[in-house]
Amino acid sequence: MKFCCDKFKSDWNFPRNVGLNIRVSKFHPRDFNFLIKKEMYRFYITSGYKDNTKAEPNLVIAHCPYCGTNLFKYYKDDYYINESKEYFL
């Protein structure tokens, strides 16, 4: 498992209910219009929230806030998904 930087990995590892954390989600193929090229993954910074509550993504990001890496180019594996709630999409 490789991350763009240690700080991104640390925030990605935080549980959803702890402080600011990074969530990664993926569009379901049924939500995709394949005639339009889109990235399947989405990246968010959220403030802590409980598992049974509806969290609102605080910030949608495309680049690592720490090292500047383009997240769409770097993370292309389902292993990185740590958020499955559909309202994030």
PDB file of N, CA and C in Angstrom:
ATOM      1  N   MET A   1       0.832  -1.173   0.000  1.00  0.00           N
ATOM      2  CA  MET A   1       0.000   0.000   0.000  1.00  0.00           C
ATOM      3  C   MET A   1       0.880   1.239   0.000  1.00  0.00           C
ATOM      4  N   LYS A   2       0.745   2.060  -0.996  1.00  0.00           N
ATOM      5  CA  LYS A   2       1.597   3.234  -1.105  1.00  0.00           C
ATOM      6  C   LYS A   2       0.736   4.492  -1.126  1.00  0.00           C
ATOM      7  N   PHE A   3       1.150   5.472  -0.354  1.00  0.00           N
ATOM      8  CA  PHE A   3       0.460   6.758  -0.283  1.00  0.00           C
ATOM      9  C   PHE A   3       1.379   7.848  -0.817  1.00  0.00           C
ATOM     10  N   CYS A   4       0.780   8.952  -1.226  1.00  0.00           N
ATOM     11  CA  CYS A   4       1.579  10.043  -1.774  1.00  0.00           C
ATOM     12  C   CYS A   4       2.481  10.675  -0.718  1.00  0.00           C
ATOM     13  N   CYS A   5       2.038  10.682   0.547  1.00  0.00           N
ATOM     14  CA  CYS A   5       2.865  11.211   1.637  1.00  0.00           C
ATOM     15  C   CYS A   5       2.351  10.667   2.970  1.00  0.00           C
ATOM     16  N   ASP A   6       3.155  10.747   3.997  1.00  0.00           N
ATOM     17  CA  ASP A   6       2.788  10.210   5.311  1.00  0.00           C
ATOM     18  C   ASP A   6       1.600  10.930   5.934  1.00  0.00           C
ATOM     19  N   LYS A   7       1.485  12.235   5.738  1.00  0.00           N
ATOM     20  CA  LYS A   7       0.376  12.994   6.330  1.00  0.00           C
ATOM     21  C   LYS A   7      -0.963  12.593   5.697  1.00  0.00           C
ATOM     22  N   PHE A   8      -0.991  12.394   4.382  1.00  0.00           N
ATOM     23  CA  PHE A   8      -2.216  11.941   3.721  1.00  0.00           C
ATOM     24  C   PHE A   8      -2.600  10.564   4.259  1.00  0.00           C
ATOM     25  N   LYS A   9      -1.625   9.675   4.381  1.00  0.00           N
ATOM     26  CA  LYS A   9      -1.878   8.332   4.916  1.00  0.00           C
ATOM     27  C   LYS A   9      -2.442   8.412   6.330  1.00  0.00           C
ATOM     28  N   SER A  10      -1.869   9.271   7.150  1.00  0.00           N
ATOM     29  CA  SER A  10      -2.323   9.425   8.529  1.00  0.00           C
ATOM     30  C   SER A  10      -3.774   9.883   8.588  1.00  0.00           C
ATOM     31  N   ASP A  11      -4.115  10.897   7.802  1.00  0.00           N
ATOM     32  CA  ASP A  11      -5.489  11.417   7.796  1.00  0.00           C
ATOM     33  C   ASP A  11      -6.462  10.424   7.165  1.00  0.00           C
ATOM     34  N   TRP A  12      -6.013   9.642   6.201  1.00  0.00           N
ATOM     35  CA  TRP A  12      -6.828   8.603   5.576  1.00  0.00           C
ATOM     36  C   TRP A  12      -7.127   7.483   6.582  1.00  0.00           C
ATOM     37  N   ASN A  13      -6.164   7.209   7.464  1.00  0.00           N
ATOM     38  CA  ASN A  13      -6.322   6.153   8.462  1.00  0.00           C
ATOM     39  C   ASN A  13      -7.216   6.537   9.638  1.00  0.00           C
ATOM     40  N   PHE A  14      -7.402   7.833   9.858  1.00  0.00           N
ATOM     41  CA  PHE A  14      -8.259   8.251  10.971  1.00  0.00           C
ATOM     42  C   PHE A  14      -9.653   7.675  10.804  1.00  0.00           C
ATOM     43  N   PRO A  15     -10.265   7.243  11.902  1.00  0.00           N
ATOM     44  CA  PRO A  15     -11.678   6.844  11.825  1.00  0.00           C
ATOM     45  C   PRO A  15     -12.534   8.050  11.464  1.00  0.00           C
ATOM     46  N   ARG A  16     -13.693   7.806  10.882  1.00  0.00           N
ATOM     47  CA  ARG A  16     -14.567   8.902  10.434  1.00  0.00           C
ATOM     48  C   ARG A  16     -15.025   9.790  11.574  1.00  0.00           C
ATOM     49  N   ASN A  17     -14.954   9.328  12.802  1.00  0.00           N
ATOM     50  CA  ASN A  17     -15.444  10.133  13.930  1.00  0.00           C
ATOM     51  C   ASN A  17     -14.346  10.934  14.627  1.00  0.00           C
ATOM     52  N   VAL A  18     -13.158  10.972  14.046  1.00  0.00           N
ATOM     53  CA  VAL A  18     -12.031  11.663  14.673  1.00  0.00           C
ATOM     54  C   VAL A  18     -11.633  12.882  13.851  1.00  0.00           C
ATOM     55  N   GLY A  19     -11.676  14.037  14.456  1.00  0.00           N
ATOM     56  CA  GLY A  19     -11.142  15.277  13.882  1.00  0.00           C
ATOM     57  C   GLY A  19     -11.306  15.416  12.392  1.00  0.00           C
ATOM     58  N   LEU A  20     -10.357  16.052  11.740  1.00  0.00           N
ATOM     59  CA  LEU A  20     -10.351  16.144  10.289  1.00  0.00           C
ATOM     60  C   LEU A  20      -9.755  14.864   9.726  1.00  0.00           C
ATOM     61  N   ASN A  21     -10.451  14.278   8.767  1.00  0.00           N
ATOM     62  CA  ASN A  21      -9.953  13.047   8.182  1.00  0.00           C
ATOM     63  C   ASN A  21     -10.207  13.067   6.681  1.00  0.00           C
ATOM     64  N   ILE A  22      -9.558  12.171   5.971  1.00  0.00           N
ATOM     65  CA  ILE A  22      -9.705  12.085   4.520  1.00  0.00           C
ATOM     66  C   ILE A  22     -10.540  10.861   4.192  1.00  0.00           C
ATOM     67  N   ARG A  23     -11.568  11.072   3.390  1.00  0.00           N
ATOM     68  CA  ARG A  23     -12.449   9.998   2.955  1.00  0.00           C
ATOM     69  C   ARG A  23     -12.307   9.851   1.453  1.00  0.00           C
ATOM     70  N   VAL A  24     -12.306   8.603   0.990  1.00  0.00           N
ATOM     71  CA  VAL A  24     -12.236   8.303  -0.432  1.00  0.00           C
ATOM     72  C   VAL A  24     -13.456   7.456  -0.774  1.00  0.00           C
ATOM     73  N   SER A  25     -14.192   7.848  -1.797  1.00  0.00           N
ATOM     74  CA  SER A  25     -15.363   7.085  -2.223  1.00  0.00           C
ATOM     75  C   SER A  25     -15.287   6.859  -3.730  1.00  0.00           C
ATOM     76  N   LYS A  26     -16.156   5.995  -4.212  1.00  0.00           N
ATOM     77  CA  LYS A  26     -16.133   5.637  -5.633  1.00  0.00           C
ATOM     78  C   LYS A  26     -17.558   5.636  -6.179  1.00  0.00           C
ATOM     79  N   PHE A  27     -17.698   6.161  -7.388  1.00  0.00           N
ATOM     80  CA  PHE A  27     -18.978   6.088  -8.067  1.00  0.00           C
ATOM     81  C   PHE A  27     -19.301   4.635  -8.383  1.00  0.00           C
ATOM     82  N   HIS A  28     -20.549   4.286  -8.299  1.00  0.00           N
ATOM     83  CA  HIS A  28     -21.010   2.976  -8.732  1.00  0.00           C
ATOM     84  C   HIS A  28     -21.158   3.042 -10.252  1.00  0.00           C
ATOM     85  N   PRO A  29     -20.826   1.969 -10.965  1.00  0.00           N
ATOM     86  CA  PRO A  29     -20.936   2.016 -12.441  1.00  0.00           C
ATOM     87  C   PRO A  29     -22.316   2.453 -12.935  1.00  0.00           C
ATOM     88  N   ARG A  30     -23.379   2.173 -12.208  1.00  0.00           N
ATOM     89  CA  ARG A  30     -24.720   2.583 -12.649  1.00  0.00           C
ATOM     90  C   ARG A  30     -24.868   4.105 -12.647  1.00  0.00           C
ATOM     91  N   ASP A  31     -24.014   4.795 -11.895  1.00  0.00           N
ATOM     92  CA  ASP A  31     -24.075   6.244 -11.814  1.00  0.00           C
ATOM     93  C   ASP A  31     -23.243   6.928 -12.890  1.00  0.00           C
ATOM     94  N   PHE A  32     -22.574   6.135 -13.692  1.00  0.00           N
ATOM     95  CA  PHE A  32     -21.643   6.666 -14.670  1.00  0.00           C
ATOM     96  C   PHE A  32     -22.272   6.827 -16.032  1.00  0.00           C
ATOM     97  N   ASN A  33     -22.038   7.944 -16.650  1.00  0.00           N
ATOM     98  CA  ASN A  33     -22.383   8.135 -18.045  1.00  0.00           C
ATOM     99  C   ASN A  33     -21.076   7.910 -18.803  1.00  0.00           C
ATOM    100  N   PHE A  34     -20.943   6.751 -19.431  1.00  0.00           N
ATOM    101  CA  PHE A  34     -19.663   6.406 -20.043  1.00  0.00           C
ATOM    102  C   PHE A  34     -19.357   7.213 -21.301  1.00  0.00           C
ATOM    103  N   LEU A  35     -20.310   8.023 -21.731  1.00  0.00           N
ATOM    104  CA  LEU A  35     -20.033   8.886 -22.873  1.00  0.00           C
ATOM    105  C   LEU A  35     -19.221  10.104 -22.454  1.00  0.00           C
ATOM    106  N   ILE A  36     -19.218  10.379 -21.150  1.00  0.00           N
ATOM    107  CA  ILE A  36     -18.462  11.506 -20.609  1.00  0.00           C
ATOM    108  C   ILE A  36     -17.354  10.949 -19.733  1.00  0.00           C
ATOM    109  N   LYS A  37     -16.116  11.313 -20.011  1.00  0.00           N
ATOM    110  CA  LYS A  37     -15.009  10.799 -19.204  1.00  0.00           C
ATOM    111  C   LYS A  37     -15.010  11.476 -17.836  1.00  0.00           C
ATOM    112  N   LYS A  38     -15.105  10.656 -16.794  1.00  0.00           N
ATOM    113  CA  LYS A  38     -15.076  11.163 -15.423  1.00  0.00           C
ATOM    114  C   LYS A  38     -14.147  10.279 -14.608  1.00  0.00           C
ATOM    115  N   GLU A  39     -13.633  10.826 -13.560  1.00  0.00           N
ATOM    116  CA  GLU A  39     -12.865  10.036 -12.623  1.00  0.00           C
ATOM    117  C   GLU A  39     -13.836   9.309 -11.706  1.00  0.00           C
ATOM    118  N   MET A  40     -13.577   8.048 -11.403  1.00  0.00           N
ATOM    119  CA  MET A  40     -14.508   7.260 -10.598  1.00  0.00           C
ATOM    120  C   MET A  40     -14.381   7.530  -9.104  1.00  0.00           C
ATOM    121  N   TYR A  41     -13.224   7.985  -8.654  1.00  0.00           N
ATOM    122  CA  TYR A  41     -13.005   8.201  -7.225  1.00  0.00           C
ATOM    123  C   TYR A  41     -13.227   9.667  -6.867  1.00  0.00           C
ATOM    124  N   ARG A  42     -13.640   9.881  -5.629  1.00  0.00           N
ATOM    125  CA  ARG A  42     -13.781  11.233  -5.086  1.00  0.00           C
ATOM    126  C   ARG A  42     -13.060  11.294  -3.746  1.00  0.00           C
ATOM    127  N   PHE A  43     -12.484  12.447  -3.453  1.00  0.00           N
ATOM    128  CA  PHE A  43     -11.657  12.644  -2.272  1.00  0.00           C
ATOM    129  C   PHE A  43     -12.211  13.813  -1.468  1.00  0.00           C
ATOM    130  N   TYR A  44     -12.329  13.618  -0.156  1.00  0.00           N
ATOM    131  CA  TYR A  44     -12.932  14.626   0.718  1.00  0.00           C
ATOM    132  C   TYR A  44     -12.128  14.796   1.994  1.00  0.00           C
ATOM    133  N   ILE A  45     -12.161  15.995   2.526  1.00  0.00           N
ATOM    134  CA  ILE A  45     -11.717  16.221   3.903  1.00  0.00           C
ATOM    135  C   ILE A  45     -12.999  16.478   4.682  1.00  0.00           C
ATOM    136  N   THR A  46     -13.205  15.724   5.751  1.00  0.00           N
ATOM    137  CA  THR A  46     -14.411  15.893   6.568  1.00  0.00           C
ATOM    138  C   THR A  46     -14.022  16.112   8.017  1.00  0.00           C
ATOM    139  N   SER A  47     -14.934  16.729   8.745  1.00  0.00           N
ATOM    140  CA  SER A  47     -14.760  16.794  10.191  1.00  0.00           C
ATOM    141  C   SER A  47     -15.387  15.531  10.759  1.00  0.00           C
ATOM    142  N   GLY A  48     -14.981  15.143  11.940  1.00  0.00           N
ATOM    143  CA  GLY A  48     -15.461  13.898  12.528  1.00  0.00           C
ATOM    144  C   GLY A  48     -16.975  13.800  12.570  1.00  0.00           C
ATOM    145  N   TYR A  49     -17.493  12.618  12.305  1.00  0.00           N
ATOM    146  CA  TYR A  49     -18.932  12.369  12.367  1.00  0.00           C
ATOM    147  C   TYR A  49     -19.162  10.912  12.741  1.00  0.00           C
ATOM    148  N   LYS A  50     -20.299  10.644  13.337  1.00  0.00           N
ATOM    149  CA  LYS A  50     -20.630   9.290  13.768  1.00  0.00           C
ATOM    150  C   LYS A  50     -21.095   8.464  12.588  1.00  0.00           C
ATOM    151  N   ASP A  51     -20.874   7.167  12.693  1.00  0.00           N
ATOM    152  CA  ASP A  51     -21.202   6.247  11.606  1.00  0.00           C
ATOM    153  C   ASP A  51     -22.678   6.290  11.237  1.00  0.00           C
ATOM    154  N   ASN A  52     -23.550   6.491  12.190  1.00  0.00           N
ATOM    155  CA  ASN A  52     -24.985   6.437  11.917  1.00  0.00           C
ATOM    156  C   ASN A  52     -25.592   7.803  11.605  1.00  0.00           C
ATOM    157  N   THR A  53     -24.767   8.805  11.377  1.00  0.00           N
ATOM    158  CA  THR A  53     -25.278  10.125  11.036  1.00  0.00           C
ATOM    159  C   THR A  53     -24.871  10.483   9.611  1.00  0.00           C
ATOM    160  N   LYS A  54     -25.590  11.402   9.042  1.00  0.00           N
ATOM    161  CA  LYS A  54     -25.260  11.851   7.691  1.00  0.00           C
ATOM    162  C   LYS A  54     -24.190  12.926   7.767  1.00  0.00           C
ATOM    163  N   ALA A  55     -23.055  12.621   7.235  1.00  0.00           N
ATOM    164  CA  ALA A  55     -21.956  13.595   7.212  1.00  0.00           C
ATOM    165  C   ALA A  55     -22.005  14.375   5.913  1.00  0.00           C
ATOM    166  N   GLU A  56     -21.684  15.614   5.988  1.00  0.00           N
ATOM    167  CA  GLU A  56     -21.560  16.438   4.797  1.00  0.00           C
ATOM    168  C   GLU A  56     -20.074  16.604   4.520  1.00  0.00           C
ATOM    169  N   PRO A  57     -19.648  16.276   3.306  1.00  0.00           N
ATOM    170  CA  PRO A  57     -18.236  16.511   2.998  1.00  0.00           C
ATOM    171  C   PRO A  57     -17.906  17.985   3.216  1.00  0.00           C
ATOM    172  N   ASN A  58     -16.874  18.253   3.956  1.00  0.00           N
ATOM    173  CA  ASN A  58     -16.494  19.635   4.225  1.00  0.00           C
ATOM    174  C   ASN A  58     -15.750  20.245   3.047  1.00  0.00           C
ATOM    175  N   LEU A  59     -14.929  19.444   2.404  1.00  0.00           N
ATOM    176  CA  LEU A  59     -14.103  19.963   1.329  1.00  0.00           C
ATOM    177  C   LEU A  59     -13.821  18.846   0.331  1.00  0.00           C
ATOM    178  N   VAL A  60     -14.186  19.062  -0.918  1.00  0.00           N
ATOM    179  CA  VAL A  60     -13.851  18.122  -1.983  1.00  0.00           C
ATOM    180  C   VAL A  60     -12.476  18.521  -2.486  1.00  0.00           C
ATOM    181  N   ILE A  61     -11.580  17.549  -2.607  1.00  0.00           N
ATOM    182  CA  ILE A  61     -10.208  17.869  -3.010  1.00  0.00           C
ATOM    183  C   ILE A  61      -9.794  17.064  -4.246  1.00  0.00           C
ATOM    184  N   ALA A  62      -8.891  17.613  -5.025  1.00  0.00           N
ATOM    185  CA  ALA A  62      -8.343  16.946  -6.197  1.00  0.00           C
ATOM    186  C   ALA A  62      -6.839  16.736  -6.062  1.00  0.00           C
ATOM    187  N   HIS A  63      -6.216  17.477  -5.153  1.00  0.00           N
ATOM    188  CA  HIS A  63      -4.778  17.384  -4.911  1.00  0.00           C
ATOM    189  C   HIS A  63      -4.549  17.187  -3.420  1.00  0.00           C
ATOM    190  N   CYS A  64      -3.501  16.479  -3.090  1.00  0.00           N
ATOM    191  CA  CYS A  64      -3.154  16.278  -1.683  1.00  0.00           C
ATOM    192  C   CYS A  64      -2.896  17.644  -1.058  1.00  0.00           C
ATOM    193  N   PRO A  65      -3.542  17.931   0.076  1.00  0.00           N
ATOM    194  CA  PRO A  65      -3.335  19.229   0.718  1.00  0.00           C
ATOM    195  C   PRO A  65      -1.951  19.384   1.346  1.00  0.00           C
ATOM    196  N   TYR A  66      -1.185  18.313   1.397  1.00  0.00           N
ATOM    197  CA  TYR A  66       0.126  18.347   2.052  1.00  0.00           C
ATOM    198  C   TYR A  66       1.293  18.347   1.064  1.00  0.00           C
ATOM    199  N   CYS A  67       1.181  17.514   0.003  1.00  0.00           N
ATOM    200  CA  CYS A  67       2.321  17.441  -0.928  1.00  0.00           C
ATOM    201  C   CYS A  67       1.963  17.881  -2.344  1.00  0.00           C
ATOM    202  N   GLY A  68       0.677  18.121  -2.617  1.00  0.00           N
ATOM    203  CA  GLY A  68       0.263  18.621  -3.919  1.00  0.00           C
ATOM    204  C   GLY A  68       0.022  17.570  -4.992  1.00  0.00           C
ATOM    205  N   THR A  69       0.167  16.297  -4.661  1.00  0.00           N
ATOM    206  CA  THR A  69      -0.027  15.227  -5.642  1.00  0.00           C
ATOM    207  C   THR A  69      -1.444  15.266  -6.210  1.00  0.00           C
ATOM    208  N   ASN A  70      -1.581  15.044  -7.520  1.00  0.00           N
ATOM    209  CA  ASN A  70      -2.885  14.930  -8.156  1.00  0.00           C
ATOM    210  C   ASN A  70      -3.492  13.593  -7.710  1.00  0.00           C
ATOM    211  N   LEU A  71      -4.551  13.645  -6.915  1.00  0.00           N
ATOM    212  CA  LEU A  71      -5.135  12.437  -6.328  1.00  0.00           C
ATOM    213  C   LEU A  71      -5.766  11.533  -7.377  1.00  0.00           C
ATOM    214  N   PHE A  72      -6.338  12.107  -8.434  1.00  0.00           N
ATOM    215  CA  PHE A  72      -6.965  11.303  -9.481  1.00  0.00           C
ATOM    216  C   PHE A  72      -5.935  10.475 -10.248  1.00  0.00           C
ATOM    217  N   LYS A  73      -4.747  10.989 -10.390  1.00  0.00           N
ATOM    218  CA  LYS A  73      -3.699  10.256 -11.099  1.00  0.00           C
ATOM    219  C   LYS A  73      -3.006   9.238 -10.193  1.00  0.00           C
ATOM    220  N   TYR A  74      -2.955   9.518  -8.902  1.00  0.00           N
ATOM    221  CA  TYR A  74      -2.197   8.684  -7.976  1.00  0.00           C
ATOM    222  C   TYR A  74      -2.998   7.503  -7.432  1.00  0.00           C
ATOM    223  N   TYR A  75      -4.259   7.734  -7.065  1.00  0.00           N
ATOM    224  CA  TYR A  75      -5.071   6.697  -6.416  1.00  0.00           C
ATOM    225  C   TYR A  75      -6.071   6.123  -7.403  1.00  0.00           C
ATOM    226  N   LYS A  76      -5.788   4.911  -7.865  1.00  0.00           N
ATOM    227  CA  LYS A  76      -6.622   4.255  -8.868  1.00  0.00           C
ATOM    228  C   LYS A  76      -6.923   2.814  -8.469  1.00  0.00           C
ATOM    229  N   ASP A  77      -7.123   2.587  -7.186  1.00  0.00           N
ATOM    230  CA  ASP A  77      -7.372   1.239  -6.690  1.00  0.00           C
ATOM    231  C   ASP A  77      -8.457   1.273  -5.626  1.00  0.00           C
ATOM    232  N   ASP A  78      -9.355   0.321  -5.657  1.00  0.00           N
ATOM    233  CA  ASP A  78     -10.448   0.269  -4.687  1.00  0.00           C
ATOM    234  C   ASP A  78      -9.965   0.085  -3.253  1.00  0.00           C
ATOM    235  N   TYR A  79      -8.743  -0.334  -3.070  1.00  0.00           N
ATOM    236  CA  TYR A  79      -8.240  -0.522  -1.712  1.00  0.00           C
ATOM    237  C   TYR A  79      -8.304   0.784  -0.913  1.00  0.00           C
ATOM    238  N   TYR A  80      -8.160   1.897  -1.571  1.00  0.00           N
ATOM    239  CA  TYR A  80      -8.113   3.191  -0.885  1.00  0.00           C
ATOM    240  C   TYR A  80      -9.492   3.695  -0.449  1.00  0.00           C
ATOM    241  N   ILE A  81     -10.550   3.064  -0.921  1.00  0.00           N
ATOM    242  CA  ILE A  81     -11.907   3.494  -0.554  1.00  0.00           C
ATOM    243  C   ILE A  81     -12.113   3.277   0.938  1.00  0.00           C
ATOM    244  N   ASN A  82     -12.450   4.333   1.642  1.00  0.00           N
ATOM    245  CA  ASN A  82     -12.730   4.221   3.074  1.00  0.00           C
ATOM    246  C   ASN A  82     -14.072   4.849   3.435  1.00  0.00           C
ATOM    247  N   GLU A  83     -14.858   5.148   2.406  1.00  0.00           N
ATOM    248  CA  GLU A  83     -16.200   5.698   2.637  1.00  0.00           C
ATOM    249  C   GLU A  83     -17.154   5.133   1.596  1.00  0.00           C
ATOM    250  N   SER A  84     -18.191   4.456   2.054  1.00  0.00           N
ATOM    251  CA  SER A  84     -19.133   3.838   1.120  1.00  0.00           C
ATOM    252  C   SER A  84     -20.503   4.479   1.141  1.00  0.00           C
ATOM    253  N   LYS A  85     -20.682   5.517   1.925  1.00  0.00           N
ATOM    254  CA  LYS A  85     -21.987   6.167   2.003  1.00  0.00           C
ATOM    255  C   LYS A  85     -22.286   6.884   0.685  1.00  0.00           C
ATOM    256  N   GLU A  86     -23.433   6.548   0.084  1.00  0.00           N
ATOM    257  CA  GLU A  86     -23.748   7.079  -1.234  1.00  0.00           C
ATOM    258  C   GLU A  86     -23.966   8.579  -1.256  1.00  0.00           C
ATOM    259  N   TYR A  87     -24.345   9.183  -0.141  1.00  0.00           N
ATOM    260  CA  TYR A  87     -24.592  10.622  -0.182  1.00  0.00           C
ATOM    261  C   TYR A  87     -23.306  11.416  -0.342  1.00  0.00           C
ATOM    262  N   PHE A  88     -22.153  10.758  -0.268  1.00  0.00           N
ATOM    263  CA  PHE A  88     -20.902  11.460  -0.557  1.00  0.00           C
ATOM    264  C   PHE A  88     -20.738  11.703  -2.048  1.00  0.00           C
ATOM    265  N   LEU A  89     -21.475  10.980  -2.852  1.00  0.00           N
ATOM    266  CA  LEU A  89     -21.355  11.134  -4.296  1.00  0.00           C
ATOM    267  C   LEU A  89     -22.439  12.035  -4.750  1.00  0.00           C
TER     268      LEU A  89
END
